[in-house]
Amino acid sequence: MQRNLNEGVRILVSQWHGVDESNNLDDFILVPLDMHAPMMALVRLPDDISGKGSKERKTSTDAKRLQDYLYDNHIEVPIKCINGILFTRVSCHVYNEVREYEKLAEVALKYKQ
């Protein structure tokens, strides 16, 4: 499960931020991988969605709107607003597959605010 979660985080960071495993993934997650729960991670959404670098801070309403959009596209994942920045809380269990993270990455990139 830890290996699959790490792969999922790598996929999301790569697709959303153009970063590969040779870079520090910890810059894109709330808590470093070696310090978080073995089955969950908070990954920052793409900058244009997350609000990172924007003067306008995101709110829990923005998080709910994105979470509903993902749910409407058959993706069940919490979206959290932390200090005005949106994160997705991804988790992994034995039944999760890498392609689910790929789908999350792809569908989130199509989100229009």
PDB file of N, CA and C in Angstrom:
ATOM      1  N   MET A   1       0.830  -1.188   0.000  1.00  0.00           N
ATOM      2  CA  MET A   1       0.000   0.000   0.000  1.00  0.00           C
ATOM      3  C   MET A   1       0.875   1.253   0.000  1.00  0.00           C
ATOM      4  N   GLN A   2       1.938   1.239   0.799  1.00  0.00           N
ATOM      5  CA  GLN A   2       2.841   2.401   0.837  1.00  0.00           C
ATOM      6  C   GLN A   2       3.479   2.631  -0.528  1.00  0.00           C
ATOM      7  N   ARG A   3       3.878   1.558  -1.180  1.00  0.00           N
ATOM      8  CA  ARG A   3       4.491   1.678  -2.510  1.00  0.00           C
ATOM      9  C   ARG A   3       3.495   2.252  -3.513  1.00  0.00           C
ATOM     10  N   ASN A   4       2.262   1.773  -3.480  1.00  0.00           N
ATOM     11  CA  ASN A   4       1.239   2.281  -4.398  1.00  0.00           C
ATOM     12  C   ASN A   4       0.918   3.744  -4.111  1.00  0.00           C
ATOM     13  N   LEU A   5       0.861   4.127  -2.842  1.00  0.00           N
ATOM     14  CA  LEU A   5       0.604   5.522  -2.501  1.00  0.00           C
ATOM     15  C   LEU A   5       1.739   6.403  -3.017  1.00  0.00           C
ATOM     16  N   ASN A   6       2.970   5.980  -2.794  1.00  0.00           N
ATOM     17  CA  ASN A   6       4.117   6.756  -3.277  1.00  0.00           C
ATOM     18  C   ASN A   6       4.074   6.908  -4.794  1.00  0.00           C
ATOM     19  N   GLU A   7       3.677   5.853  -5.489  1.00  0.00           N
ATOM     20  CA  GLU A   7       3.555   5.920  -6.949  1.00  0.00           C
ATOM     21  C   GLU A   7       2.428   6.880  -7.333  1.00  0.00           C
ATOM     22  N   GLY A   8       1.315   6.825  -6.611  1.00  0.00           N
ATOM     23  CA  GLY A   8       0.215   7.747  -6.875  1.00  0.00           C
ATOM     24  C   GLY A   8       0.624   9.198  -6.682  1.00  0.00           C
ATOM     25  N   VAL A   9       1.339   9.486  -5.618  1.00  0.00           N
ATOM     26  CA  VAL A   9       1.828  10.842  -5.367  1.00  0.00           C
ATOM     27  C   VAL A   9       2.760  11.264  -6.497  1.00  0.00           C
ATOM     28  N   ARG A  10       3.654  10.383  -6.908  1.00  0.00           N
ATOM     29  CA  ARG A  10       4.591  10.683  -7.992  1.00  0.00           C
ATOM     30  C   ARG A  10       3.834  11.014  -9.277  1.00  0.00           C
ATOM     31  N   ILE A  11       2.799  10.243  -9.589  1.00  0.00           N
ATOM     32  CA  ILE A  11       1.991  10.479 -10.793  1.00  0.00           C
ATOM     33  C   ILE A  11       1.322  11.855 -10.725  1.00  0.00           C
ATOM     34  N   LEU A  12       0.701  12.168  -9.611  1.00  0.00           N
ATOM     35  CA  LEU A  12      -0.004  13.444  -9.477  1.00  0.00           C
ATOM     36  C   LEU A  12       0.957  14.624  -9.572  1.00  0.00           C
ATOM     37  N   VAL A  13       2.066  14.543  -8.866  1.00  0.00           N
ATOM     38  CA  VAL A  13       3.037  15.641  -8.899  1.00  0.00           C
ATOM     39  C   VAL A  13       3.623  15.797 -10.297  1.00  0.00           C
ATOM     40  N   SER A  14       3.885  14.694 -10.949  1.00  0.00           N
ATOM     41  CA  SER A  14       4.434  14.742 -12.309  1.00  0.00           C
ATOM     42  C   SER A  14       3.442  15.382 -13.274  1.00  0.00           C
ATOM     43  N   GLN A  15       2.185  14.952 -13.230  1.00  0.00           N
ATOM     44  CA  GLN A  15       1.171  15.459 -14.153  1.00  0.00           C
ATOM     45  C   GLN A  15       0.774  16.905 -13.842  1.00  0.00           C
ATOM     46  N   TRP A  16       0.706  17.246 -12.576  1.00  0.00           N
ATOM     47  CA  TRP A  16       0.217  18.562 -12.182  1.00  0.00           C
ATOM     48  C   TRP A  16       1.293  19.630 -12.106  1.00  0.00           C
ATOM     49  N   HIS A  17       2.531  19.205 -11.857  1.00  0.00           N
ATOM     50  CA  HIS A  17       3.589  20.187 -11.621  1.00  0.00           C
ATOM     51  C   HIS A  17       4.816  19.974 -12.506  1.00  0.00           C
ATOM     52  N   GLY A  18       4.776  18.961 -13.379  1.00  0.00           N
ATOM     53  CA  GLY A  18       5.887  18.715 -14.285  1.00  0.00           C
ATOM     54  C   GLY A  18       7.169  18.295 -13.592  1.00  0.00           C
ATOM     55  N   VAL A  19       7.023  17.663 -12.445  1.00  0.00           N
ATOM     56  CA  VAL A  19       8.179  17.267 -11.641  1.00  0.00           C
ATOM     57  C   VAL A  19       8.284  15.749 -11.648  1.00  0.00           C
ATOM     58  N   ASP A  20       9.504  15.246 -11.815  1.00  0.00           N
ATOM     59  CA  ASP A  20       9.690  13.799 -11.747  1.00  0.00           C
ATOM     60  C   ASP A  20      10.361  13.426 -10.430  1.00  0.00           C
ATOM     61  N   GLU A  21      10.590  12.127 -10.240  1.00  0.00           N
ATOM     62  CA  GLU A  21      11.110  11.641  -8.960  1.00  0.00           C
ATOM     63  C   GLU A  21      12.524  12.118  -8.653  1.00  0.00           C
ATOM     64  N   SER A  22      13.234  12.668  -9.635  1.00  0.00           N
ATOM     65  CA  SER A  22      14.569  13.182  -9.349  1.00  0.00           C
ATOM     66  C   SER A  22      14.488  14.517  -8.595  1.00  0.00           C
ATOM     67  N   ASN A  23      13.322  15.154  -8.619  1.00  0.00           N
ATOM     68  CA  ASN A  23      13.108  16.387  -7.861  1.00  0.00           C
ATOM     69  C   ASN A  23      12.521  16.032  -6.498  1.00  0.00           C
ATOM     70  N   ASN A  24      12.411  17.008  -5.648  1.00  0.00           N
ATOM     71  CA  ASN A  24      11.872  16.796  -4.316  1.00  0.00           C
ATOM     72  C   ASN A  24      10.345  16.852  -4.347  1.00  0.00           C
ATOM     73  N   LEU A  25       9.697  15.702  -4.228  1.00  0.00           N
ATOM     74  CA  LEU A  25       8.242  15.647  -4.228  1.00  0.00           C
ATOM     75  C   LEU A  25       7.659  16.337  -3.003  1.00  0.00           C
ATOM     76  N   ASP A  26       8.447  16.436  -1.930  1.00  0.00           N
ATOM     77  CA  ASP A  26       7.954  17.025  -0.690  1.00  0.00           C
ATOM     78  C   ASP A  26       7.530  18.478  -0.849  1.00  0.00           C
ATOM     79  N   ASP A  27       7.990  19.155  -1.896  1.00  0.00           N
ATOM     80  CA  ASP A  27       7.579  20.533  -2.134  1.00  0.00           C
ATOM     81  C   ASP A  27       6.119  20.626  -2.574  1.00  0.00           C
ATOM     82  N   PHE A  28       5.517  19.495  -2.927  1.00  0.00           N
ATOM     83  CA  PHE A  28       4.166  19.484  -3.481  1.00  0.00           C
ATOM     84  C   PHE A  28       3.169  18.723  -2.615  1.00  0.00           C
ATOM     85  N   ILE A  29       3.620  18.261  -1.462  1.00  0.00           N
ATOM     86  CA  ILE A  29       2.725  17.584  -0.529  1.00  0.00           C
ATOM     87  C   ILE A  29       2.796  18.311   0.804  1.00  0.00           C
ATOM     88  N   LEU A  30       1.754  18.200   1.598  1.00  0.00           N
ATOM     89  CA  LEU A  30       1.700  18.964   2.835  1.00  0.00           C
ATOM     90  C   LEU A  30       2.700  18.456   3.870  1.00  0.00           C
ATOM     91  N   VAL A  31       2.828  17.149   3.982  1.00  0.00           N
ATOM     92  CA  VAL A  31       3.736  16.528   4.949  1.00  0.00           C
ATOM     93  C   VAL A  31       4.677  15.611   4.167  1.00  0.00           C
ATOM     94  N   PRO A  32       5.984  15.658   4.439  1.00  0.00           N
ATOM     95  CA  PRO A  32       6.918  14.775   3.721  1.00  0.00           C
ATOM     96  C   PRO A  32       6.492  13.312   3.785  1.00  0.00           C
ATOM     97  N   LEU A  33       6.724  12.593   2.698  1.00  0.00           N
ATOM     98  CA  LEU A  33       6.283  11.199   2.610  1.00  0.00           C
ATOM     99  C   LEU A  33       6.794  10.336   3.757  1.00  0.00           C
ATOM    100  N   ASP A  34       7.983  10.601   4.237  1.00  0.00           N
ATOM    101  CA  ASP A  34       8.511   9.756   5.308  1.00  0.00           C
ATOM    102  C   ASP A  34       7.940  10.106   6.686  1.00  0.00           C
ATOM    103  N   MET A  35       7.054  11.097   6.741  1.00  0.00           N
ATOM    104  CA  MET A  35       6.468  11.499   8.020  1.00  0.00           C
ATOM    105  C   MET A  35       4.951  11.309   8.089  1.00  0.00           C
ATOM    106  N   HIS A  36       4.300  10.981   6.984  1.00  0.00           N
ATOM    107  CA  HIS A  36       2.836  10.907   7.012  1.00  0.00           C
ATOM    108  C   HIS A  36       2.359   9.474   7.226  1.00  0.00           C
ATOM    109  N   ALA A  37       1.061   9.351   7.378  1.00  0.00           N
ATOM    110  CA  ALA A  37       0.450   8.030   7.513  1.00  0.00           C
ATOM    111  C   ALA A  37       0.778   7.206   6.280  1.00  0.00           C
ATOM    112  N   PRO A  38       0.974   5.919   6.431  1.00  0.00           N
ATOM    113  CA  PRO A  38       1.403   5.096   5.296  1.00  0.00           C
ATOM    114  C   PRO A  38       0.364   4.940   4.188  1.00  0.00           C
ATOM    115  N   MET A  39      -0.871   5.383   4.409  1.00  0.00           N
ATOM    116  CA  MET A  39      -1.903   5.172   3.404  1.00  0.00           C
ATOM    117  C   MET A  39      -2.555   6.459   2.915  1.00  0.00           C
ATOM    118  N   MET A  40      -2.053   7.628   3.338  1.00  0.00           N
ATOM    119  CA  MET A  40      -2.659   8.891   2.927  1.00  0.00           C
ATOM    120  C   MET A  40      -1.603   9.963   2.711  1.00  0.00           C
ATOM    121  N   ALA A  41      -1.928  10.881   1.801  1.00  0.00           N
ATOM    122  CA  ALA A  41      -1.068  12.035   1.572  1.00  0.00           C
ATOM    123  C   ALA A  41      -1.918  13.183   1.051  1.00  0.00           C
ATOM    124  N   LEU A  42      -1.533  14.389   1.386  1.00  0.00           N
ATOM    125  CA  LEU A  42      -2.177  15.587   0.855  1.00  0.00           C
ATOM    126  C   LEU A  42      -1.277  16.153  -0.237  1.00  0.00           C
ATOM    127  N   VAL A  43      -1.784  16.127  -1.475  1.00  0.00           N
ATOM    128  CA  VAL A  43      -1.018  16.578  -2.637  1.00  0.00           C
ATOM    129  C   VAL A  43      -1.623  17.888  -3.131  1.00  0.00           C
ATOM    130  N   ARG A  44      -0.763  18.891  -3.316  1.00  0.00           N
ATOM    131  CA  ARG A  44      -1.236  20.193  -3.806  1.00  0.00           C
ATOM    132  C   ARG A  44      -1.707  20.057  -5.243  1.00  0.00           C
ATOM    133  N   LEU A  45      -2.867  20.607  -5.505  1.00  0.00           N
ATOM    134  CA  LEU A  45      -3.422  20.595  -6.860  1.00  0.00           C
ATOM    135  C   LEU A  45      -2.597  21.519  -7.753  1.00  0.00           C
ATOM    136  N   PRO A  46      -2.809  21.454  -9.076  1.00  0.00           N
ATOM    137  CA  PRO A  46      -2.077  22.346  -9.979  1.00  0.00           C
ATOM    138  C   PRO A  46      -2.220  23.801  -9.512  1.00  0.00           C
ATOM    139  N   ASP A  47      -1.184  24.599  -9.725  1.00  0.00           N
ATOM    140  CA  ASP A  47      -1.156  25.966  -9.200  1.00  0.00           C
ATOM    141  C   ASP A  47      -2.357  26.798  -9.616  1.00  0.00           C
ATOM    142  N   ASP A  48      -2.819  26.649 -10.860  1.00  0.00           N
ATOM    143  CA  ASP A  48      -3.962  27.450 -11.307  1.00  0.00           C
ATOM    144  C   ASP A  48      -5.265  27.019 -10.641  1.00  0.00           C
ATOM    145  N   ILE A  49      -5.309  25.820 -10.099  1.00  0.00           N
ATOM    146  CA  ILE A  49      -6.491  25.337  -9.377  1.00  0.00           C
ATOM    147  C   ILE A  49      -6.310  25.534  -7.877  1.00  0.00           C
ATOM    148  N   SER A  50      -5.118  25.239  -7.379  1.00  0.00           N
ATOM    149  CA  SER A  50      -4.873  25.266  -5.932  1.00  0.00           C
ATOM    150  C   SER A  50      -4.855  26.668  -5.353  1.00  0.00           C
ATOM    151  N   GLY A  51      -4.498  27.644  -6.183  1.00  0.00           N
ATOM    152  CA  GLY A  51      -4.367  29.002  -5.686  1.00  0.00           C
ATOM    153  C   GLY A  51      -2.950  29.346  -5.269  1.00  0.00           C
ATOM    154  N   LYS A  52      -2.034  28.402  -5.371  1.00  0.00           N
ATOM    155  CA  LYS A  52      -0.635  28.663  -5.023  1.00  0.00           C
ATOM    156  C   LYS A  52      -0.087  29.751  -5.942  1.00  0.00           C
ATOM    157  N   GLY A  53       0.505  30.763  -5.350  1.00  0.00           N
ATOM    158  CA  GLY A  53       1.056  31.863  -6.131  1.00  0.00           C
ATOM    159  C   GLY A  53       0.050  32.947  -6.482  1.00  0.00           C
ATOM    160  N   SER A  54      -1.210  32.738  -6.145  1.00  0.00           N
ATOM    161  CA  SER A  54      -2.257  33.723  -6.424  1.00  0.00           C
ATOM    162  C   SER A  54      -2.444  34.628  -5.214  1.00  0.00           C
ATOM    163  N   LYS A  55      -2.844  35.853  -5.460  1.00  0.00           N
ATOM    164  CA  LYS A  55      -3.122  36.772  -4.353  1.00  0.00           C
ATOM    165  C   LYS A  55      -4.461  36.451  -3.702  1.00  0.00           C
ATOM    166  N   GLU A  56      -5.327  35.787  -4.467  1.00  0.00           N
ATOM    167  CA  GLU A  56      -6.649  35.433  -3.941  1.00  0.00           C
ATOM    168  C   GLU A  56      -6.592  34.048  -3.306  1.00  0.00           C
ATOM    169  N   ARG A  57      -6.883  33.980  -2.028  1.00  0.00           N
ATOM    170  CA  ARG A  57      -6.835  32.705  -1.319  1.00  0.00           C
ATOM    171  C   ARG A  57      -8.082  31.884  -1.612  1.00  0.00           C
ATOM    172  N   LYS A  58      -7.912  30.585  -1.715  1.00  0.00           N
ATOM    173  CA  LYS A  58      -9.035  29.681  -1.927  1.00  0.00           C
ATOM    174  C   LYS A  58      -9.771  29.483  -0.610  1.00  0.00           C
ATOM    175  N   THR A  59     -11.008  28.990  -0.718  1.00  0.00           N
ATOM    176  CA  THR A  59     -11.855  28.778   0.457  1.00  0.00           C
ATOM    177  C   THR A  59     -12.394  27.356   0.459  1.00  0.00           C
ATOM    178  N   SER A  60     -13.074  27.006   1.526  1.00  0.00           N
ATOM    179  CA  SER A  60     -13.704  25.684   1.594  1.00  0.00           C
ATOM    180  C   SER A  60     -14.798  25.550   0.537  1.00  0.00           C
ATOM    181  N   THR A  61     -15.383  26.659   0.116  1.00  0.00           N
ATOM    182  CA  THR A  61     -16.371  26.628  -0.970  1.00  0.00           C
ATOM    183  C   THR A  61     -15.702  26.205  -2.274  1.00  0.00           C
ATOM    184  N   ASP A  62     -14.509  26.726  -2.540  1.00  0.00           N
ATOM    185  CA  ASP A  62     -13.752  26.306  -3.732  1.00  0.00           C
ATOM    186  C   ASP A  62     -13.423  24.818  -3.659  1.00  0.00           C
ATOM    187  N   ALA A  63     -13.056  24.357  -2.477  1.00  0.00           N
ATOM    188  CA  ALA A  63     -12.729  22.939  -2.289  1.00  0.00           C
ATOM    189  C   ALA A  63     -13.953  22.071  -2.570  1.00  0.00           C
ATOM    190  N   LYS A  64     -15.092  22.473  -2.051  1.00  0.00           N
ATOM    191  CA  LYS A  64     -16.335  21.711  -2.251  1.00  0.00           C
ATOM    192  C   LYS A  64     -16.722  21.680  -3.728  1.00  0.00           C
ATOM    193  N   ARG A  65     -16.570  22.798  -4.399  1.00  0.00           N
ATOM    194  CA  ARG A  65     -16.912  22.874  -5.826  1.00  0.00           C
ATOM    195  C   ARG A  65     -16.058  21.885  -6.631  1.00  0.00           C
ATOM    196  N   LEU A  66     -14.759  21.849  -6.360  1.00  0.00           N
ATOM    197  CA  LEU A  66     -13.871  20.921  -7.063  1.00  0.00           C
ATOM    198  C   LEU A  66     -14.175  19.478  -6.681  1.00  0.00           C
ATOM    199  N   GLN A  67     -14.424  19.229  -5.413  1.00  0.00           N
ATOM    200  CA  GLN A  67     -14.749  17.870  -4.976  1.00  0.00           C
ATOM    201  C   GLN A  67     -16.018  17.378  -5.658  1.00  0.00           C
ATOM    202  N   ASP A  68     -17.019  18.233  -5.769  1.00  0.00           N
ATOM    203  CA  ASP A  68     -18.259  17.858  -6.468  1.00  0.00           C
ATOM    204  C   ASP A  68     -18.001  17.573  -7.952  1.00  0.00           C
ATOM    205  N   TYR A  69     -17.156  18.389  -8.577  1.00  0.00           N
ATOM    206  CA  TYR A  69     -16.794  18.166  -9.984  1.00  0.00           C
ATOM    207  C   TYR A  69     -16.145  16.793 -10.149  1.00  0.00           C
ATOM    208  N   LEU A  70     -15.208  16.465  -9.278  1.00  0.00           N
ATOM    209  CA  LEU A  70     -14.541  15.165  -9.371  1.00  0.00           C
ATOM    210  C   LEU A  70     -15.544  14.037  -9.143  1.00  0.00           C
ATOM    211  N   TYR A  71     -16.416  14.199  -8.160  1.00  0.00           N
ATOM    212  CA  TYR A  71     -17.433  13.183  -7.885  1.00  0.00           C
ATOM    213  C   TYR A  71     -18.336  12.973  -9.101  1.00  0.00           C
ATOM    214  N   ASP A  72     -18.717  14.056  -9.766  1.00  0.00           N
ATOM    215  CA  ASP A  72     -19.540  13.957 -10.973  1.00  0.00           C
ATOM    216  C   ASP A  72     -18.814  13.212 -12.091  1.00  0.00           C
ATOM    217  N   ASN A  73     -17.496  13.137 -11.997  1.00  0.00           N
ATOM    218  CA  ASN A  73     -16.675  12.410 -12.969  1.00  0.00           C
ATOM    219  C   ASN A  73     -16.196  11.076 -12.405  1.00  0.00           C
ATOM    220  N   HIS A  74     -16.936  10.554 -11.426  1.00  0.00           N
ATOM    221  CA  HIS A  74     -16.709   9.226 -10.853  1.00  0.00           C
ATOM    222  C   HIS A  74     -15.383   9.096 -10.112  1.00  0.00           C
ATOM    223  N   ILE A  75     -14.984  10.173  -9.433  1.00  0.00           N
ATOM    224  CA  ILE A  75     -13.775  10.147  -8.622  1.00  0.00           C
ATOM    225  C   ILE A  75     -14.162  10.586  -7.209  1.00  0.00           C
ATOM    226  N   GLU A  76     -13.949   9.716  -6.267  1.00  0.00           N
ATOM    227  CA  GLU A  76     -14.267  10.001  -4.870  1.00  0.00           C
ATOM    228  C   GLU A  76     -12.962  10.305  -4.141  1.00  0.00           C
ATOM    229  N   VAL A  77     -12.730  11.599  -3.902  1.00  0.00           N
ATOM    230  CA  VAL A  77     -11.515  12.025  -3.208  1.00  0.00           C
ATOM    231  C   VAL A  77     -11.805  13.349  -2.509  1.00  0.00           C
ATOM    232  N   PRO A  78     -11.398  13.472  -1.253  1.00  0.00           N
ATOM    233  CA  PRO A  78     -11.612  14.735  -0.552  1.00  0.00           C
ATOM    234  C   PRO A  78     -10.686  15.833  -1.070  1.00  0.00           C
ATOM    235  N   ILE A  79     -11.197  17.046  -1.111  1.00  0.00           N
ATOM    236  CA  ILE A  79     -10.401  18.227  -1.436  1.00  0.00           C
ATOM    237  C   ILE A  79     -10.396  19.096  -0.181  1.00  0.00           C
ATOM    238  N   LYS A  80      -9.215  19.489   0.250  1.00  0.00           N
ATOM    239  CA  LYS A  80      -9.062  20.254   1.483  1.00  0.00           C
ATOM    240  C   LYS A  80      -8.451  21.613   1.196  1.00  0.00           C
ATOM    241  N   CYS A  81      -8.950  22.624   1.882  1.00  0.00           N
ATOM    242  CA  CYS A  81      -8.400  23.973   1.788  1.00  0.00           C
ATOM    243  C   CYS A  81      -7.583  24.216   3.055  1.00  0.00           C
ATOM    244  N   ILE A  82      -6.283  24.386   2.883  1.00  0.00           N
ATOM    245  CA  ILE A  82      -5.389  24.592   4.016  1.00  0.00           C
ATOM    246  C   ILE A  82      -4.609  25.876   3.771  1.00  0.00           C
ATOM    247  N   ASN A  83      -4.826  26.850   4.637  1.00  0.00           N
ATOM    248  CA  ASN A  83      -4.173  28.157   4.506  1.00  0.00           C
ATOM    249  C   ASN A  83      -4.385  28.771   3.123  1.00  0.00           C
ATOM    250  N   GLY A  84      -5.592  28.613   2.581  1.00  0.00           N
ATOM    251  CA  GLY A  84      -5.938  29.225   1.309  1.00  0.00           C
ATOM    252  C   GLY A  84      -5.429  28.497   0.082  1.00  0.00           C
ATOM    253  N   ILE A  85      -4.902  27.287   0.252  1.00  0.00           N
ATOM    254  CA  ILE A  85      -4.385  26.472  -0.855  1.00  0.00           C
ATOM    255  C   ILE A  85      -5.160  25.158  -0.888  1.00  0.00           C
ATOM    256  N   LEU A  86      -5.527  24.696  -2.103  1.00  0.00           N
ATOM    257  CA  LEU A  86      -6.283  23.450  -2.238  1.00  0.00           C
ATOM    258  C   LEU A  86      -5.359  22.249  -2.410  1.00  0.00           C
ATOM    259  N   PHE A  87      -5.678  21.205  -1.662  1.00  0.00           N
ATOM    260  CA  PHE A  87      -4.976  19.927  -1.714  1.00  0.00           C
ATOM    261  C   PHE A  87      -6.001  18.823  -1.927  1.00  0.00           C
ATOM    262  N   THR A  88      -5.568  17.732  -2.528  1.00  0.00           N
ATOM    263  CA  THR A  88      -6.399  16.543  -2.569  1.00  0.00           C
ATOM    264  C   THR A  88      -5.816  15.537  -1.587  1.00  0.00           C
ATOM    265  N   ARG A  89      -6.676  14.913  -0.807  1.00  0.00           N
ATOM    266  CA  ARG A  89      -6.222  13.900   0.132  1.00  0.00           C
ATOM    267  C   ARG A  89      -6.372  12.536  -0.524  1.00  0.00           C
ATOM    268  N   VAL A  90      -5.269  12.044  -1.044  1.00  0.00           N
ATOM    269  CA  VAL A  90      -5.304  10.734  -1.687  1.00  0.00           C
ATOM    270  C   VAL A  90      -4.979   9.678  -0.650  1.00  0.00           C
ATOM    271  N   SER A  91      -5.596   8.531  -0.837  1.00  0.00           N
ATOM    272  CA  SER A  91      -5.321   7.416   0.056  1.00  0.00           C
ATOM    273  C   SER A  91      -5.160   6.161  -0.782  1.00  0.00           C
ATOM    274  N   CYS A  92      -4.651   5.159  -0.151  1.00  0.00           N
ATOM    275  CA  CYS A  92      -4.401   3.916  -0.859  1.00  0.00           C
ATOM    276  C   CYS A  92      -4.726   2.745   0.053  1.00  0.00           C
ATOM    277  N   HIS A  93      -5.349   1.768  -0.534  1.00  0.00           N
ATOM    278  CA  HIS A  93      -5.588   0.501   0.152  1.00  0.00           C
ATOM    279  C   HIS A  93      -5.317  -0.606  -0.855  1.00  0.00           C
ATOM    280  N   VAL A  94      -5.482  -1.832  -0.428  1.00  0.00           N
ATOM    281  CA  VAL A  94      -5.113  -2.957  -1.292  1.00  0.00           C
ATOM    282  C   VAL A  94      -5.911  -2.989  -2.599  1.00  0.00           C
ATOM    283  N   TYR A  95      -7.084  -2.406  -2.616  1.00  0.00           N
ATOM    284  CA  TYR A  95      -7.931  -2.434  -3.809  1.00  0.00           C
ATOM    285  C   TYR A  95      -7.663  -1.277  -4.771  1.00  0.00           C
ATOM    286  N   ASN A  96      -6.852  -0.301  -4.396  1.00  0.00           N
ATOM    287  CA  ASN A  96      -6.559   0.817  -5.290  1.00  0.00           C
ATOM    288  C   ASN A  96      -5.533   0.429  -6.340  1.00  0.00           C
ATOM    289  N   GLU A  97      -5.668   1.061  -7.504  1.00  0.00           N
ATOM    290  CA  GLU A  97      -4.765   0.789  -8.621  1.00  0.00           C
ATOM    291  C   GLU A  97      -4.175   2.092  -9.133  1.00  0.00           C
ATOM    292  N   VAL A  98      -2.994   1.999  -9.716  1.00  0.00           N
ATOM    293  CA  VAL A  98      -2.273   3.158 -10.227  1.00  0.00           C
ATOM    294  C   VAL A  98      -3.128   3.929 -11.225  1.00  0.00           C
ATOM    295  N   ARG A  99      -3.909   3.251 -12.036  1.00  0.00           N
ATOM    296  CA  ARG A  99      -4.710   3.945 -13.054  1.00  0.00           C
ATOM    297  C   ARG A  99      -5.738   4.895 -12.435  1.00  0.00           C
ATOM    298  N   GLU A 100      -6.101   4.665 -11.171  1.00  0.00           N
ATOM    299  CA  GLU A 100      -7.026   5.579 -10.508  1.00  0.00           C
ATOM    300  C   GLU A 100      -6.363   6.936 -10.246  1.00  0.00           C
ATOM    301  N   TYR A 101      -5.097   6.926  -9.913  1.00  0.00           N
ATOM    302  CA  TYR A 101      -4.360   8.181  -9.728  1.00  0.00           C
ATOM    303  C   TYR A 101      -4.176   8.885 -11.076  1.00  0.00           C
ATOM    304  N   GLU A 102      -3.943   8.108 -12.108  1.00  0.00           N
ATOM    305  CA  GLU A 102      -3.803   8.686 -13.452  1.00  0.00           C
ATOM    306  C   GLU A 102      -5.095   9.371 -13.875  1.00  0.00           C
ATOM    307  N   LYS A 103      -6.231   8.728 -13.577  1.00  0.00           N
ATOM    308  CA  LYS A 103      -7.529   9.316 -13.926  1.00  0.00           C
ATOM    309  C   LYS A 103      -7.761  10.597 -13.120  1.00  0.00           C
ATOM    310  N   LEU A 104      -7.446  10.578 -11.829  1.00  0.00           N
ATOM    311  CA  LEU A 104      -7.584  11.780 -11.007  1.00  0.00           C
ATOM    312  C   LEU A 104      -6.760  12.918 -11.588  1.00  0.00           C
ATOM    313  N   ALA A 105      -5.520  12.631 -11.945  1.00  0.00           N
ATOM    314  CA  ALA A 105      -4.640  13.669 -12.504  1.00  0.00           C
ATOM    315  C   ALA A 105      -5.247  14.256 -13.774  1.00  0.00           C
ATOM    316  N   GLU A 106      -5.733  13.396 -14.650  1.00  0.00           N
ATOM    317  CA  GLU A 106      -6.282  13.828 -15.938  1.00  0.00           C
ATOM    318  C   GLU A 106      -7.564  14.640 -15.768  1.00  0.00           C
ATOM    319  N   VAL A 107      -8.488  14.150 -14.961  1.00  0.00           N
ATOM    320  CA  VAL A 107      -9.778  14.822 -14.788  1.00  0.00           C
ATOM    321  C   VAL A 107      -9.602  16.163 -14.074  1.00  0.00           C
ATOM    322  N   ALA A 108      -8.755  16.220 -13.083  1.00  0.00           N
ATOM    323  CA  ALA A 108      -8.536  17.488 -12.363  1.00  0.00           C
ATOM    324  C   ALA A 108      -7.984  18.565 -13.301  1.00  0.00           C
ATOM    325  N   LEU A 109      -7.144  18.170 -14.234  1.00  0.00           N
ATOM    326  CA  LEU A 109      -6.580  19.145 -15.169  1.00  0.00           C
ATOM    327  C   LEU A 109      -7.632  19.755 -16.091  1.00  0.00           C
ATOM    328  N   LYS A 110      -8.778  19.090 -16.236  1.00  0.00           N
ATOM    329  CA  LYS A 110      -9.858  19.599 -17.083  1.00  0.00           C
ATOM    330  C   LYS A 110     -10.811  20.526 -16.331  1.00  0.00           C
ATOM    331  N   TYR A 111     -10.607  20.659 -15.033  1.00  0.00           N
ATOM    332  CA  TYR A 111     -11.494  21.477 -14.204  1.00  0.00           C
ATOM    333  C   TYR A 111     -11.413  22.940 -14.610  1.00  0.00           C
ATOM    334  N   LYS A 112     -12.569  23.521 -14.830  1.00  0.00           N
ATOM    335  CA  LYS A 112     -12.687  24.953 -15.136  1.00  0.00           C
ATOM    336  C   LYS A 112     -13.347  25.636 -13.950  1.00  0.00           C
ATOM    337  N   GLN A 113     -12.694  26.584 -13.383  1.00  0.00           N
ATOM    338  CA  GLN A 113     -13.213  27.245 -12.174  1.00  0.00           C
ATOM    339  C   GLN A 113     -14.298  28.241 -12.505  1.00  0.00           C
TER     340      GLN A 113
END
